[in-house]
Amino acid sequence: MVKVNKGSTTAIAKSLRVSPRKLNLVATSIRNMKVSEAMVQLTFSPKRIAKDVKKCLQSAVANAENNFGLDIDALFVTSATVGKALVMKRIMPRAKGRATRINKFFSNLYITVTEVEGK
């Protein structure tokens, strides 16, 4: 039986230079994990964006400890949500004087950690 306390905190990383689709691959790998396991998962992940996700997770843990006094060992990642941010539009020259547009996507990341007892 898992008992959830009211203590939960969120950390937000805005305008990460990665597409939401790629960021969601890393975010799904840490959902519903203990924070310590998620840190190990992100440390050894081959994905480039895992470093920024780990930084956001560390921020959420620091918020939980400093602002709410929650126990770090009892924290779980309850949600890791990815959202779209701005799109930079660039132009790539093509043959015969034409040009095509290149979209460079940015993402927002929201990580919520909750103190859970009995697991």
PDB file of N, CA and C in Angstrom:
ATOM      1  N   MET A   1       0.844  -1.188   0.000  1.00  0.00           N
ATOM      2  CA  MET A   1       0.000   0.000   0.000  1.00  0.00           C
ATOM      3  C   MET A   1       0.882   1.241   0.000  1.00  0.00           C
ATOM      4  N   VAL A   2       0.608   2.143  -0.905  1.00  0.00           N
ATOM      5  CA  VAL A   2       1.374   3.378  -1.013  1.00  0.00           C
ATOM      6  C   VAL A   2       0.527   4.516  -0.472  1.00  0.00           C
ATOM      7  N   LYS A   3       1.115   5.273   0.438  1.00  0.00           N
ATOM      8  CA  LYS A   3       0.410   6.415   1.003  1.00  0.00           C
ATOM      9  C   LYS A   3       1.101   7.689   0.528  1.00  0.00           C
ATOM     10  N   VAL A   4       0.342   8.564  -0.108  1.00  0.00           N
ATOM     11  CA  VAL A   4       0.906   9.788  -0.667  1.00  0.00           C
ATOM     12  C   VAL A   4       0.645  10.934   0.296  1.00  0.00           C
ATOM     13  N   ASN A   5       1.703  11.660   0.644  1.00  0.00           N
ATOM     14  CA  ASN A   5       1.560  12.857   1.461  1.00  0.00           C
ATOM     15  C   ASN A   5       1.148  14.026   0.586  1.00  0.00           C
ATOM     16  N   LYS A   6       0.797  15.123   1.235  1.00  0.00           N
ATOM     17  CA  LYS A   6       0.423  16.309   0.477  1.00  0.00           C
ATOM     18  C   LYS A   6       1.640  17.016  -0.109  1.00  0.00           C
ATOM     19  N   GLY A   7       2.836  16.693   0.378  1.00  0.00           N
ATOM     20  CA  GLY A   7       4.024  17.411  -0.049  1.00  0.00           C
ATOM     21  C   GLY A   7       4.469  17.037  -1.449  1.00  0.00           C
ATOM     22  N   SER A   8       4.321  17.970  -2.363  1.00  0.00           N
ATOM     23  CA  SER A   8       4.852  17.762  -3.708  1.00  0.00           C
ATOM     24  C   SER A   8       5.327  19.097  -4.248  1.00  0.00           C
ATOM     25  N   THR A   9       6.380  19.045  -5.032  1.00  0.00           N
ATOM     26  CA  THR A   9       6.939  20.266  -5.609  1.00  0.00           C
ATOM     27  C   THR A   9       7.186  20.067  -7.090  1.00  0.00           C
ATOM     28  N   THR A  10       7.281  21.184  -7.786  1.00  0.00           N
ATOM     29  CA  THR A  10       7.476  21.160  -9.231  1.00  0.00           C
ATOM     30  C   THR A  10       8.673  22.018  -9.597  1.00  0.00           C
ATOM     31  N   ALA A  11       9.414  21.573 -10.594  1.00  0.00           N
ATOM     32  CA  ALA A  11      10.487  22.372 -11.181  1.00  0.00           C
ATOM     33  C   ALA A  11      10.223  22.462 -12.678  1.00  0.00           C
ATOM     34  N   ILE A  12      10.515  23.618 -13.245  1.00  0.00           N
ATOM     35  CA  ILE A  12      10.224  23.867 -14.655  1.00  0.00           C
ATOM     36  C   ILE A  12      11.513  24.256 -15.365  1.00  0.00           C
ATOM     37  N   ALA A  13      11.755  23.634 -16.507  1.00  0.00           N
ATOM     38  CA  ALA A  13      12.863  24.025 -17.384  1.00  0.00           C
ATOM     39  C   ALA A  13      12.236  24.497 -18.692  1.00  0.00           C
ATOM     40  N   LYS A  14      12.410  25.773 -18.997  1.00  0.00           N
ATOM     41  CA  LYS A  14      11.758  26.334 -20.178  1.00  0.00           C
ATOM     42  C   LYS A  14      12.763  26.527 -21.301  1.00  0.00           C
ATOM     43  N   SER A  15      12.265  26.451 -22.513  1.00  0.00           N
ATOM     44  CA  SER A  15      13.022  26.712 -23.741  1.00  0.00           C
ATOM     45  C   SER A  15      14.269  25.846 -23.851  1.00  0.00           C
ATOM     46  N   LEU A  16      14.101  24.547 -23.655  1.00  0.00           N
ATOM     47  CA  LEU A  16      15.203  23.610 -23.881  1.00  0.00           C
ATOM     48  C   LEU A  16      15.337  23.385 -25.380  1.00  0.00           C
ATOM     49  N   ARG A  17      16.538  23.418 -25.895  1.00  0.00           N
ATOM     50  CA  ARG A  17      16.765  23.330 -27.335  1.00  0.00           C
ATOM     51  C   ARG A  17      16.757  21.874 -27.792  1.00  0.00           C
ATOM     52  N   VAL A  18      15.561  21.291 -27.775  1.00  0.00           N
ATOM     53  CA  VAL A  18      15.355  19.921 -28.236  1.00  0.00           C
ATOM     54  C   VAL A  18      13.886  19.811 -28.611  1.00  0.00           C
ATOM     55  N   SER A  19      13.574  18.943 -29.540  1.00  0.00           N
ATOM     56  CA  SER A  19      12.173  18.785 -29.923  1.00  0.00           C
ATOM     57  C   SER A  19      11.414  18.073 -28.801  1.00  0.00           C
ATOM     58  N   PRO A  20      10.130  18.383 -28.638  1.00  0.00           N
ATOM     59  CA  PRO A  20       9.352  17.733 -27.580  1.00  0.00           C
ATOM     60  C   PRO A  20       9.313  16.215 -27.723  1.00  0.00           C
ATOM     61  N   ARG A  21       9.354  15.739 -28.934  1.00  0.00           N
ATOM     62  CA  ARG A  21       9.312  14.295 -29.174  1.00  0.00           C
ATOM     63  C   ARG A  21      10.549  13.597 -28.599  1.00  0.00           C
ATOM     64  N   LYS A  22      11.724  14.202 -28.794  1.00  0.00           N
ATOM     65  CA  LYS A  22      12.961  13.613 -28.269  1.00  0.00           C
ATOM     66  C   LYS A  22      13.041  13.755 -26.752  1.00  0.00           C
ATOM     67  N   LEU A  23      12.579  14.892 -26.234  1.00  0.00           N
ATOM     68  CA  LEU A  23      12.604  15.105 -24.790  1.00  0.00           C
ATOM     69  C   LEU A  23      11.658  14.143 -24.082  1.00  0.00           C
ATOM     70  N   ASN A  24      10.548  13.825 -24.721  1.00  0.00           N
ATOM     71  CA  ASN A  24       9.575  12.916 -24.115  1.00  0.00           C
ATOM     72  C   ASN A  24      10.142  11.506 -23.947  1.00  0.00           C
ATOM     73  N   LEU A  25      11.074  11.098 -24.802  1.00  0.00           N
ATOM     74  CA  LEU A  25      11.727   9.793 -24.644  1.00  0.00           C
ATOM     75  C   LEU A  25      12.469   9.707 -23.311  1.00  0.00           C
ATOM     76  N   VAL A  26      13.149  10.792 -22.949  1.00  0.00           N
ATOM     77  CA  VAL A  26      13.893  10.812 -21.689  1.00  0.00           C
ATOM     78  C   VAL A  26      12.933  10.973 -20.511  1.00  0.00           C
ATOM     79  N   ALA A  27      11.901  11.803 -20.690  1.00  0.00           N
ATOM     80  CA  ALA A  27      10.956  12.050 -19.597  1.00  0.00           C
ATOM     81  C   ALA A  27      10.189  10.785 -19.223  1.00  0.00           C
ATOM     82  N   THR A  28       9.818   9.981 -20.207  1.00  0.00           N
ATOM     83  CA  THR A  28       9.093   8.746 -19.894  1.00  0.00           C
ATOM     84  C   THR A  28       9.975   7.733 -19.171  1.00  0.00           C
ATOM     85  N   SER A  29      11.279   7.828 -19.357  1.00  0.00           N
ATOM     86  CA  SER A  29      12.168   6.864 -18.701  1.00  0.00           C
ATOM     87  C   SER A  29      12.293   7.111 -17.198  1.00  0.00           C
ATOM     88  N   ILE A  30      11.912   8.302 -16.708  1.00  0.00           N
ATOM     89  CA  ILE A  30      12.047   8.582 -15.272  1.00  0.00           C
ATOM     90  C   ILE A  30      10.706   8.706 -14.559  1.00  0.00           C
ATOM     91  N   ARG A  31       9.600   8.627 -15.269  1.00  0.00           N
ATOM     92  CA  ARG A  31       8.289   8.743 -14.619  1.00  0.00           C
ATOM     93  C   ARG A  31       8.048   7.578 -13.664  1.00  0.00           C
ATOM     94  N   ASN A  32       7.413   7.874 -12.527  1.00  0.00           N
ATOM     95  CA  ASN A  32       7.048   6.880 -11.503  1.00  0.00           C
ATOM     96  C   ASN A  32       8.255   6.112 -10.967  1.00  0.00           C
ATOM     97  N   MET A  33       9.372   6.801 -10.822  1.00  0.00           N
ATOM     98  CA  MET A  33      10.592   6.207 -10.269  1.00  0.00           C
ATOM     99  C   MET A  33      10.962   6.919  -8.980  1.00  0.00           C
ATOM    100  N   LYS A  34      11.734   6.233  -8.140  1.00  0.00           N
ATOM    101  CA  LYS A  34      12.350   6.924  -7.018  1.00  0.00           C
ATOM    102  C   LYS A  34      13.346   7.925  -7.581  1.00  0.00           C
ATOM    103  N   VAL A  35      13.540   9.015  -6.868  1.00  0.00           N
ATOM    104  CA  VAL A  35      14.429  10.070  -7.357  1.00  0.00           C
ATOM    105  C   VAL A  35      15.855   9.556  -7.503  1.00  0.00           C
ATOM    106  N   SER A  36      16.308   8.717  -6.573  1.00  0.00           N
ATOM    107  CA  SER A  36      17.673   8.192  -6.654  1.00  0.00           C
ATOM    108  C   SER A  36      17.852   7.313  -7.893  1.00  0.00           C
ATOM    109  N   GLU A  37      16.842   6.503  -8.215  1.00  0.00           N
ATOM    110  CA  GLU A  37      16.918   5.663  -9.417  1.00  0.00           C
ATOM    111  C   GLU A  37      16.867   6.515 -10.683  1.00  0.00           C
ATOM    112  N   ALA A  38      16.061   7.560 -10.655  1.00  0.00           N
ATOM    113  CA  ALA A  38      15.955   8.444 -11.819  1.00  0.00           C
ATOM    114  C   ALA A  38      17.269   9.175 -12.075  1.00  0.00           C
ATOM    115  N   MET A  39      17.962   9.567 -11.004  1.00  0.00           N
ATOM    116  CA  MET A  39      19.265  10.235 -11.153  1.00  0.00           C
ATOM    117  C   MET A  39      20.276   9.303 -11.814  1.00  0.00           C
ATOM    118  N   VAL A  40      20.290   8.046 -11.399  1.00  0.00           N
ATOM    119  CA  VAL A  40      21.203   7.070 -12.001  1.00  0.00           C
ATOM    120  C   VAL A  40      20.846   6.857 -13.466  1.00  0.00           C
ATOM    121  N   GLN A  41      19.553   6.753 -13.742  1.00  0.00           N
ATOM    122  CA  GLN A  41      19.080   6.564 -15.117  1.00  0.00           C
ATOM    123  C   GLN A  41      19.539   7.713 -16.014  1.00  0.00           C
ATOM    124  N   LEU A  42      19.427   8.951 -15.509  1.00  0.00           N
ATOM    125  CA  LEU A  42      19.801  10.121 -16.306  1.00  0.00           C
ATOM    126  C   LEU A  42      21.314  10.270 -16.422  1.00  0.00           C
ATOM    127  N   THR A  43      22.043   9.848 -15.393  1.00  0.00           N
ATOM    128  CA  THR A  43      23.502   9.969 -15.427  1.00  0.00           C
ATOM    129  C   THR A  43      24.101   9.107 -16.529  1.00  0.00           C
ATOM    130  N   PHE A  44      23.568   7.917 -16.716  1.00  0.00           N
ATOM    131  CA  PHE A  44      24.139   6.993 -17.688  1.00  0.00           C
ATOM    132  C   PHE A  44      23.354   6.927 -18.992  1.00  0.00           C
ATOM    133  N   SER A  45      22.452   7.860 -19.206  1.00  0.00           N
ATOM    134  CA  SER A  45      21.688   7.895 -20.451  1.00  0.00           C
ATOM    135  C   SER A  45      22.559   8.447 -21.580  1.00  0.00           C
ATOM    136  N   PRO A  46      22.500   7.853 -22.763  1.00  0.00           N
ATOM    137  CA  PRO A  46      23.301   8.355 -23.878  1.00  0.00           C
ATOM    138  C   PRO A  46      22.702   9.588 -24.554  1.00  0.00           C
ATOM    139  N   LYS A  47      21.497   9.965 -24.178  1.00  0.00           N
ATOM    140  CA  LYS A  47      20.828  11.106 -24.807  1.00  0.00           C
ATOM    141  C   LYS A  47      21.468  12.414 -24.354  1.00  0.00           C
ATOM    142  N   ARG A  48      21.598  13.357 -25.282  1.00  0.00           N
ATOM    143  CA  ARG A  48      22.219  14.649 -24.983  1.00  0.00           C
ATOM    144  C   ARG A  48      21.399  15.450 -23.976  1.00  0.00           C
ATOM    145  N   ILE A  49      20.091  15.398 -24.090  1.00  0.00           N
ATOM    146  CA  ILE A  49      19.216  16.224 -23.266  1.00  0.00           C
ATOM    147  C   ILE A  49      19.090  15.698 -21.837  1.00  0.00           C
ATOM    148  N   ALA A  50      19.589  14.499 -21.567  1.00  0.00           N
ATOM    149  CA  ALA A  50      19.475  13.907 -20.231  1.00  0.00           C
ATOM    150  C   ALA A  50      20.166  14.769 -19.175  1.00  0.00           C
ATOM    151  N   LYS A  51      21.212  15.494 -19.566  1.00  0.00           N
ATOM    152  CA  LYS A  51      21.921  16.369 -18.634  1.00  0.00           C
ATOM    153  C   LYS A  51      21.008  17.501 -18.147  1.00  0.00           C
ATOM    154  N   ASP A  52      20.219  18.082 -19.060  1.00  0.00           N
ATOM    155  CA  ASP A  52      19.303  19.159 -18.684  1.00  0.00           C
ATOM    156  C   ASP A  52      18.122  18.636 -17.871  1.00  0.00           C
ATOM    157  N   VAL A  53      17.667  17.432 -18.179  1.00  0.00           N
ATOM    158  CA  VAL A  53      16.576  16.824 -17.414  1.00  0.00           C
ATOM    159  C   VAL A  53      17.048  16.534 -15.991  1.00  0.00           C
ATOM    160  N   LYS A  54      18.287  16.080 -15.853  1.00  0.00           N
ATOM    161  CA  LYS A  54      18.844  15.810 -14.526  1.00  0.00           C
ATOM    162  C   LYS A  54      18.955  17.100 -13.717  1.00  0.00           C
ATOM    163  N   LYS A  55      19.342  18.181 -14.376  1.00  0.00           N
ATOM    164  CA  LYS A  55      19.444  19.467 -13.697  1.00  0.00           C
ATOM    165  C   LYS A  55      18.071  19.930 -13.189  1.00  0.00           C
ATOM    166  N   CYS A  56      17.034  19.724 -13.994  1.00  0.00           N
ATOM    167  CA  CYS A  56      15.672  20.090 -13.594  1.00  0.00           C
ATOM    168  C   CYS A  56      15.193  19.212 -12.439  1.00  0.00           C
ATOM    169  N   LEU A  57      15.533  17.932 -12.478  1.00  0.00           N
ATOM    170  CA  LEU A  57      15.157  17.019 -11.391  1.00  0.00           C
ATOM    171  C   LEU A  57      15.858  17.406 -10.089  1.00  0.00           C
ATOM    172  N   GLN A  58      17.131  17.785 -10.173  1.00  0.00           N
ATOM    173  CA  GLN A  58      17.857  18.231  -8.986  1.00  0.00           C
ATOM    174  C   GLN A  58      17.235  19.502  -8.415  1.00  0.00           C
ATOM    175  N   SER A  59      16.739  20.369  -9.289  1.00  0.00           N
ATOM    176  CA  SER A  59      16.062  21.579  -8.839  1.00  0.00           C
ATOM    177  C   SER A  59      14.763  21.248  -8.106  1.00  0.00           C
ATOM    178  N   ALA A  60      14.022  20.260  -8.613  1.00  0.00           N
ATOM    179  CA  ALA A  60      12.780  19.845  -7.954  1.00  0.00           C
ATOM    180  C   ALA A  60      13.068  19.252  -6.577  1.00  0.00           C
ATOM    181  N   VAL A  61      14.138  18.477  -6.469  1.00  0.00           N
ATOM    182  CA  VAL A  61      14.522  17.889  -5.180  1.00  0.00           C
ATOM    183  C   VAL A  61      14.948  18.987  -4.207  1.00  0.00           C
ATOM    184  N   ALA A  62      15.701  19.970  -4.695  1.00  0.00           N
ATOM    185  CA  ALA A  62      16.125  21.080  -3.840  1.00  0.00           C
ATOM    186  C   ALA A  62      14.924  21.901  -3.376  1.00  0.00           C
ATOM    187  N   ASN A  63      13.941  22.098  -4.257  1.00  0.00           N
ATOM    188  CA  ASN A  63      12.714  22.800  -3.863  1.00  0.00           C
ATOM    189  C   ASN A  63      11.982  22.036  -2.764  1.00  0.00           C
ATOM    190  N   ALA A  64      11.914  20.713  -2.910  1.00  0.00           N
ATOM    191  CA  ALA A  64      11.218  19.887  -1.921  1.00  0.00           C
ATOM    192  C   ALA A  64      11.911  19.950  -0.563  1.00  0.00           C
ATOM    193  N   GLU A  65      13.236  19.923  -0.588  1.00  0.00           N
ATOM    194  CA  GLU A  65      13.988  19.913   0.668  1.00  0.00           C
ATOM    195  C   GLU A  65      13.983  21.286   1.337  1.00  0.00           C
ATOM    196  N   ASN A  66      14.287  22.329   0.586  1.00  0.00           N
ATOM    197  CA  ASN A  66      14.468  23.654   1.177  1.00  0.00           C
ATOM    198  C   ASN A  66      13.156  24.384   1.444  1.00  0.00           C
ATOM    199  N   ASN A  67      12.185  24.272   0.539  1.00  0.00           N
ATOM    200  CA  ASN A  67      10.947  25.040   0.692  1.00  0.00           C
ATOM    201  C   ASN A  67       9.896  24.324   1.536  1.00  0.00           C
ATOM    202  N   PHE A  68       9.870  22.984   1.474  1.00  0.00           N
ATOM    203  CA  PHE A  68       8.820  22.241   2.159  1.00  0.00           C
ATOM    204  C   PHE A  68       9.340  21.279   3.215  1.00  0.00           C
ATOM    205  N   GLY A  69      10.649  21.101   3.304  1.00  0.00           N
ATOM    206  CA  GLY A  69      11.228  20.219   4.311  1.00  0.00           C
ATOM    207  C   GLY A  69      10.883  18.754   4.118  1.00  0.00           C
ATOM    208  N   LEU A  70      10.760  18.308   2.878  1.00  0.00           N
ATOM    209  CA  LEU A  70      10.417  16.915   2.597  1.00  0.00           C
ATOM    210  C   LEU A  70      11.659  16.033   2.676  1.00  0.00           C
ATOM    211  N   ASP A  71      11.442  14.748   2.924  1.00  0.00           N
ATOM    212  CA  ASP A  71      12.528  13.778   3.023  1.00  0.00           C
ATOM    213  C   ASP A  71      12.979  13.387   1.619  1.00  0.00           C
ATOM    214  N   ILE A  72      14.259  13.559   1.324  1.00  0.00           N
ATOM    215  CA  ILE A  72      14.780  13.292  -0.021  1.00  0.00           C
ATOM    216  C   ILE A  72      14.684  11.811  -0.366  1.00  0.00           C
ATOM    217  N   ASP A  73      14.890  10.939   0.611  1.00  0.00           N
ATOM    218  CA  ASP A  73      14.884   9.501   0.346  1.00  0.00           C
ATOM    219  C   ASP A  73      13.495   8.966   0.018  1.00  0.00           C
ATOM    220  N   ALA A  74      12.451   9.712   0.366  1.00  0.00           N
ATOM    221  CA  ALA A  74      11.081   9.252   0.127  1.00  0.00           C
ATOM    222  C   ALA A  74      10.433   9.939  -1.076  1.00  0.00           C
ATOM    223  N   LEU A  75      11.235  10.601  -1.904  1.00  0.00           N
ATOM    224  CA  LEU A  75      10.675  11.333  -3.046  1.00  0.00           C
ATOM    225  C   LEU A  75      10.550  10.440  -4.274  1.00  0.00           C
ATOM    226  N   PHE A  76       9.435  10.580  -4.972  1.00  0.00           N
ATOM    227  CA  PHE A  76       9.182   9.893  -6.232  1.00  0.00           C
ATOM    228  C   PHE A  76       8.881  10.918  -7.309  1.00  0.00           C
ATOM    229  N   VAL A  77       9.250  10.599  -8.537  1.00  0.00           N
ATOM    230  CA  VAL A  77       8.898  11.445  -9.678  1.00  0.00           C
ATOM    231  C   VAL A  77       7.477  11.057 -10.078  1.00  0.00           C
ATOM    232  N   THR A  78       6.511  11.883  -9.710  1.00  0.00           N
ATOM    233  CA  THR A  78       5.120  11.546 -10.012  1.00  0.00           C
ATOM    234  C   THR A  78       4.735  11.936 -11.427  1.00  0.00           C
ATOM    235  N   SER A  79       5.310  13.024 -11.931  1.00  0.00           N
ATOM    236  CA  SER A  79       5.019  13.381 -13.322  1.00  0.00           C
ATOM    237  C   SER A  79       6.212  14.093 -13.931  1.00  0.00           C
ATOM    238  N   ALA A  80       6.457  13.795 -15.181  1.00  0.00           N
ATOM    239  CA  ALA A  80       7.461  14.484 -15.993  1.00  0.00           C
ATOM    240  C   ALA A  80       6.771  14.808 -17.309  1.00  0.00           C
ATOM    241  N   THR A  81       6.327  16.049 -17.434  1.00  0.00           N
ATOM    242  CA  THR A  81       5.503  16.466 -18.562  1.00  0.00           C
ATOM    243  C   THR A  81       6.321  17.316 -19.515  1.00  0.00           C
ATOM    244  N   VAL A  82       6.099  17.094 -20.800  1.00  0.00           N
ATOM    245  CA  VAL A  82       6.808  17.838 -21.839  1.00  0.00           C
ATOM    246  C   VAL A  82       5.798  18.664 -22.615  1.00  0.00           C
ATOM    247  N   GLY A  83       6.152  19.918 -22.873  1.00  0.00           N
ATOM    248  CA  GLY A  83       5.285  20.793 -23.650  1.00  0.00           C
ATOM    249  C   GLY A  83       6.065  21.496 -24.742  1.00  0.00           C
ATOM    250  N   LYS A  84       5.330  21.988 -25.723  1.00  0.00           N
ATOM    251  CA  LYS A  84       5.964  22.726 -26.812  1.00  0.00           C
ATOM    252  C   LYS A  84       6.288  24.146 -26.366  1.00  0.00           C
ATOM    253  N   ALA A  85       7.408  24.657 -26.829  1.00  0.00           N
ATOM    254  CA  ALA A  85       7.769  26.053 -26.609  1.00  0.00           C
ATOM    255  C   ALA A  85       7.841  26.714 -27.991  1.00  0.00           C
ATOM    256  N   LEU A  86       8.686  27.703 -28.119  1.00  0.00           N
ATOM    257  CA  LEU A  86       8.742  28.422 -29.388  1.00  0.00           C
ATOM    258  C   LEU A  86       9.387  27.596 -30.495  1.00  0.00           C
ATOM    259  N   VAL A  87       9.196  28.043 -31.728  1.00  0.00           N
ATOM    260  CA  VAL A  87       9.802  27.407 -32.896  1.00  0.00           C
ATOM    261  C   VAL A  87      10.600  28.473 -33.631  1.00  0.00           C
ATOM    262  N   MET A  88      11.916  28.256 -33.747  1.00  0.00           N
ATOM    263  CA  MET A  88      12.746  29.164 -34.528  1.00  0.00           C
ATOM    264  C   MET A  88      12.667  28.751 -35.985  1.00  0.00           C
ATOM    265  N   LYS A  89      12.406  29.700 -36.840  1.00  0.00           N
ATOM    266  CA  LYS A  89      12.294  29.395 -38.260  1.00  0.00           C
ATOM    267  C   LYS A  89      13.555  29.870 -38.965  1.00  0.00           C
ATOM    268  N   ARG A  90      14.168  28.967 -39.704  1.00  0.00           N
ATOM    269  CA  ARG A  90      15.384  29.268 -40.444  1.00  0.00           C
ATOM    270  C   ARG A  90      15.178  28.899 -41.904  1.00  0.00           C
ATOM    271  N   ILE A  91      16.042  29.425 -42.764  1.00  0.00           N
ATOM    272  CA  ILE A  91      15.923  29.177 -44.204  1.00  0.00           C
ATOM    273  C   ILE A  91      17.172  28.457 -44.682  1.00  0.00           C
ATOM    274  N   MET A  92      16.957  27.412 -45.500  1.00  0.00           N
ATOM    275  CA  MET A  92      18.066  26.682 -46.095  1.00  0.00           C
ATOM    276  C   MET A  92      18.001  26.857 -47.610  1.00  0.00           C
ATOM    277  N   PRO A  93      19.060  27.386 -48.211  1.00  0.00           N
ATOM    278  CA  PRO A  93      19.062  27.551 -49.671  1.00  0.00           C
ATOM    279  C   PRO A  93      19.037  26.201 -50.378  1.00  0.00           C
ATOM    280  N   ARG A  94      18.277  26.144 -51.465  1.00  0.00           N
ATOM    281  CA  ARG A  94      18.170  24.927 -52.263  1.00  0.00           C
ATOM    282  C   ARG A  94      18.551  25.239 -53.705  1.00  0.00           C
ATOM    283  N   ALA A  95      18.417  24.257 -54.548  1.00  0.00           N
ATOM    284  CA  ALA A  95      18.808  24.403 -55.950  1.00  0.00           C
ATOM    285  C   ALA A  95      17.872  25.356 -56.695  1.00  0.00           C
ATOM    286  N   LYS A  96      18.379  25.945 -57.756  1.00  0.00           N
ATOM    287  CA  LYS A  96      17.627  26.813 -58.676  1.00  0.00           C
ATOM    288  C   LYS A  96      17.018  28.025 -57.978  1.00  0.00           C
ATOM    289  N   GLY A  97      17.727  28.566 -56.998  1.00  0.00           N
ATOM    290  CA  GLY A  97      17.277  29.787 -56.346  1.00  0.00           C
ATOM    291  C   GLY A  97      16.146  29.614 -55.359  1.00  0.00           C
ATOM    292  N   ARG A  98      15.803  28.405 -55.065  1.00  0.00           N
ATOM    293  CA  ARG A  98      14.715  28.173 -54.119  1.00  0.00           C
ATOM    294  C   ARG A  98      15.255  28.138 -52.690  1.00  0.00           C
ATOM    295  N   ALA A  99      14.329  28.119 -51.761  1.00  0.00           N
ATOM    296  CA  ALA A  99      14.704  28.008 -50.348  1.00  0.00           C
ATOM    297  C   ALA A  99      13.611  27.236 -49.620  1.00  0.00           C
ATOM    298  N   THR A 100      14.009  26.486 -48.617  1.00  0.00           N
ATOM    299  CA  THR A 100      13.034  25.783 -47.785  1.00  0.00           C
ATOM    300  C   THR A 100      13.200  26.234 -46.343  1.00  0.00           C
ATOM    301  N   ARG A 101      12.137  26.090 -45.595  1.00  0.00           N
ATOM    302  CA  ARG A 101      12.161  26.517 -44.208  1.00  0.00           C
ATOM    303  C   ARG A 101      12.540  25.346 -43.310  1.00  0.00           C
ATOM    304  N   ILE A 102      13.384  25.637 -42.329  1.00  0.00           N
ATOM    305  CA  ILE A 102      13.773  24.661 -41.316  1.00  0.00           C
ATOM    306  C   ILE A 102      13.198  25.140 -39.992  1.00  0.00           C
ATOM    307  N   ASN A 103      12.492  24.272 -39.299  1.00  0.00           N
ATOM    308  CA  ASN A 103      11.939  24.594 -37.986  1.00  0.00           C
ATOM    309  C   ASN A 103      12.837  23.999 -36.908  1.00  0.00           C
ATOM    310  N   LYS A 104      13.281  24.850 -35.989  1.00  0.00           N
ATOM    311  CA  LYS A 104      14.086  24.402 -34.855  1.00  0.00           C
ATOM    312  C   LYS A 104      13.202  24.494 -33.614  1.00  0.00           C
ATOM    313  N   PHE A 105      12.850  23.332 -33.076  1.00  0.00           N
ATOM    314  CA  PHE A 105      11.868  23.260 -32.002  1.00  0.00           C
ATOM    315  C   PHE A 105      12.512  23.423 -30.631  1.00  0.00           C
ATOM    316  N   PHE A 106      11.757  24.022 -29.728  1.00  0.00           N
ATOM    317  CA  PHE A 106      12.139  24.158 -28.328  1.00  0.00           C
ATOM    318  C   PHE A 106      11.062  23.484 -27.479  1.00  0.00           C
ATOM    319  N   SER A 107      11.422  23.111 -26.249  1.00  0.00           N
ATOM    320  CA  SER A 107      10.498  22.383 -25.378  1.00  0.00           C
ATOM    321  C   SER A 107      10.513  22.957 -23.970  1.00  0.00           C
ATOM    322  N   ASN A 108       9.425  22.714 -23.252  1.00  0.00           N
ATOM    323  CA  ASN A 108       9.341  23.001 -21.829  1.00  0.00           C
ATOM    324  C   ASN A 108       9.222  21.675 -21.086  1.00  0.00           C
ATOM    325  N   LEU A 109       9.828  21.611 -19.905  1.00  0.00           N
ATOM    326  CA  LEU A 109       9.800  20.394 -19.095  1.00  0.00           C
ATOM    327  C   LEU A 109       9.292  20.732 -17.701  1.00  0.00           C
ATOM    328  N   TYR A 110       8.314  19.963 -17.226  1.00  0.00           N
ATOM    329  CA  TYR A 110       7.741  20.136 -15.895  1.00  0.00           C
ATOM    330  C   TYR A 110       7.916  18.822 -15.135  1.00  0.00           C
ATOM    331  N   ILE A 111       8.677  18.865 -14.040  1.00  0.00           N
ATOM    332  CA  ILE A 111       8.904  17.666 -13.228  1.00  0.00           C
ATOM    333  C   ILE A 111       8.293  17.894 -11.851  1.00  0.00           C
ATOM    334  N   THR A 112       7.442  16.958 -11.422  1.00  0.00           N
ATOM    335  CA  THR A 112       6.817  17.021 -10.104  1.00  0.00           C
ATOM    336  C   THR A 112       7.297  15.836  -9.279  1.00  0.00           C
ATOM    337  N   VAL A 113       7.810  16.142  -8.089  1.00  0.00           N
ATOM    338  CA  VAL A 113       8.228  15.089  -7.160  1.00  0.00           C
ATOM    339  C   VAL A 113       7.322  15.140  -5.937  1.00  0.00           C
ATOM    340  N   THR A 114       6.986  13.954  -5.420  1.00  0.00           N
ATOM    341  CA  THR A 114       6.072  13.840  -4.285  1.00  0.00           C
ATOM    342  C   THR A 114       6.686  12.920  -3.242  1.00  0.00           C
ATOM    343  N   GLU A 115       6.475  13.268  -1.984  1.00  0.00           N
ATOM    344  CA  GLU A 115       6.948  12.414  -0.898  1.00  0.00           C
ATOM    345  C   GLU A 115       5.959  11.271  -0.712  1.00  0.00           C
ATOM    346  N   VAL A 116       6.465  10.042  -0.796  1.00  0.00           N
ATOM    347  CA  VAL A 116       5.620   8.854  -0.701  1.00  0.00           C
ATOM    348  C   VAL A 116       6.138   7.991   0.439  1.00  0.00           C
ATOM    349  N   GLU A 117       5.221   7.480   1.239  1.00  0.00           N
ATOM    350  CA  GLU A 117       5.600   6.604   2.353  1.00  0.00           C
ATOM    351  C   GLU A 117       5.105   5.193   2.095  1.00  0.00           C
ATOM    352  N   GLY A 118       5.849   4.219   2.559  1.00  0.00           N
ATOM    353  CA  GLY A 118       5.401   2.832   2.522  1.00  0.00           C
ATOM    354  C   GLY A 118       5.663   2.109   1.228  1.00  0.00           C
ATOM    355  N   LYS A 119       6.701   2.486   0.520  1.00  0.00           N
ATOM    356  CA  LYS A 119       7.021   1.756  -0.708  1.00  0.00           C
ATOM    357  C   LYS A 119       8.472   1.379  -0.711  1.00  0.00           C
TER     358      LYS A 119
END
